Amino acid sequence: MPVPSSWTTPIRELREEVHQELQNFSARLAAVEARLASPLTPGGEARQRRQSVWKTPTAQTAQSEPSEVTPKSTNRKIWKTNSDAPGTPSNYVETNQPHETWLNANEAVTLGIDDSPNAAGERMSQAGSTESDHGMEEVEVHFEESAWSIPMVLGLVDAGKFDTVYAVVLLFVNCGMQIMFSGILLSDGFQGEEFSNQVKHAQVWRTSVAHDYKYMDLAKTSLVTRVCTGDGALILSNRQATLVAQINSFLGLQMDQFDLPVLQIGTLLCILCILLWSLCVYKEFRRISLALAGAVQIPRGRYTQFREGQFFVISWGRLSLLLFTYFTRIVVASVLLVAGIFWLARTVSTTELMLNAVALNAILDVDEFLFSGLTPMKFQHAIQSLAPMTLTYSKRRSQWESSVQCFMLFVTMWLPYAGLLRPLSVTMLEVKEELCGGNQTFVVSHSAESQITFGLVTASGRGNFEQLTVSEMAVREHKFRSPGETPEAVYISFTSDEDLFGFDIARSMTETAALYPICLETDVLAMGGSLSNDSGIGGGARLLLRQAAAVFGIADADNCTELREYCDDSHGRLLRYACGSTCRCTDPLASPWYRVPHQGCGLPCLALAASEQRGCTDVSPQEAAWAKFWDDYPGPLGLR
């Protein structure tokens, strides 16, 4: 619409006044920038250092490309490399871009812009409604302080040749280390064999070693009992004992429990560790996706346009190198995710799960370690000084990403449990059943001479430490005595050399019964015996008496009368040998089941019974001796 003539003078004066104010503001702004750039001004020196990181062009280079934008106020310069010769394509091109462009009224009219207040308000309203409708938001994406960011500043940093070559080497070292770590994690040697193979190993161990008589301890406890009860004194089958302890800890089982509980501590901890590791990898994925989206939104061209830490245009070559590094990072992170989950799912030790999860996270941090510890300072400062990229974000994209992340979280927790941990728990229970299930209280030994396999029932466990066997009591009494000390033996009959020791332990009870030509109780232990005052023979006889009493758990027995009730016990062979008179080896009318040499009665004691032989008289079936005869026969015959 035409402007009234009465408004022309006021408008011209207002325009001149605004123009003068803008000039004054530009002058003040230039003064402030000069003070900030001065080394004497606080922050000015730091700004100069930041600007000195980047390469500056020569005059010849600056004139090699015409400027594309005519400056109207303070300009930004995008320098190209010093090494570019005239006419040679440069990595980044110098152009002049204004911070702001001011249009006067005539220019506004020429461009067809209505500068009236109503029109300006309408344009602002339309812009606001458009932004609200689309829900778009711009966020800043900062470049990572990582060795992966080195390709972004190659050729742009004012660094020496060695620093540049060294930075490239670090980039390849970072890439190579993470690829090699990924390959090692996926290898069979690192992952180890399938836990299901432990079932076969457990079967072989149980049938060939666990019940062998040679491995029974002095407490008459089988090896399988010691392994399954967590005996800390084991010197054999430690691997099986450790495996049983790990299974009990992982599944939350008691030693004698063979069914899966509802709450399995190891399974829960393994899921948490897998989730922790997955979150570390998902964090890496998010960093890659944000950096990739920000880099893609930078305008692309034949040459890179860059000034003071900010990319205005990125060349296709630099973008390709950047995309290659991002692709490598995605592949490495994906491989590490899968390999790490498999490795954690095969870890049966609850104490090692957390350590393994932390160790995996260290692999992802290799690029940051290299950046912080080895990257040249010029490149470090350059990457830290890069201006953040701008990424346009919408509400729809945010919801889509949240949906994907929720799905990945569910998959991360469910798939490892259903596909790895649940079968592992079942296999663990099967391994424990093979190792410790069933009857543990027997050992076997095969006689090569008779070709018969014999079995022996063993103790169900050590129980109270005070309930020791004879051999254990003998060791306890003698273990703190010096080698040169030779007091009267309490439970051990020492021999002079190894050969005699071998003969003694191989001697049968029948051979022992014929060893001495005297009846020990009547000639030595009894008061008034012919040898009762002989200290040598008397010490040996009292040693045998203590050993015989220890078989029945009686310590410090002084005479045979205290042990009379055990004379007809199937385990009283040594007692009958030491106490022949009390146990009726000298009585011709005693029960004949135990009155024989292999049951402990010595030949001299049996000779005394023979000398008192009376006439043969049948025993009435109503007498107690007849009933005792038939009650006692299962013991000597090994039927009980």
Foldseek 3Di string as FASTA:
>chain_A
DDDDPVCVVVVVVVLVVVVVVVVVVQVVVVVVVVLLCDPVHVNNVVLVVLQQFWAAEDPQQLPLDDADDDEDGDWFWFHWANPDDRPRDTQAHTYTDYPDDDDDPVRCVVVVHDPDPVSVVVVVVVVVVVCVVFQKDKDWQAFDLFLLCLLVCQNTTPDDPVLNVQSVVLNVVLLVLLVVVLVVLPDCVNLDDDLLVLLVVLLCCVVPPQFAPVQQDQQQFTNLLCLLVLPPPDPPPVVSSVLNVLLCQQQVHDSPDQDGDPDGPNLVLLLVLLLLLVVLLVVLVVSLVVVLQLVVPQAEDCHWGDHSQETNYHYPVSNVSSVVSSVSSNVSSVSLSVSLSSSSLRDSHSVCNNVSSVVSSVSVCPRVCCSVPPNDPSSSSSSVRHGTGMHMDRPVVVVVVVVVVVVVSVCSNPVCVVPRNVVVSVSSSSSSCSSRNDDSFKHWDADPVVRDIDMDGGDSDCPDVLLGALVVVQCVVPVPDDPVDDDQRQADDDDDDDVVVVVVVPDAQLNVLAVDLDQQCQQDVDPPHVNVPPPVSNSVLVNLVQNLCRNVPDHDDRDLVVVLVCLLALSNQSSCSSCVVSSVLQALPAQVLQNDRNNRHHPNSVVNNVVVDDDDDDDDCVDPRNVVNVVSVCSSVVND
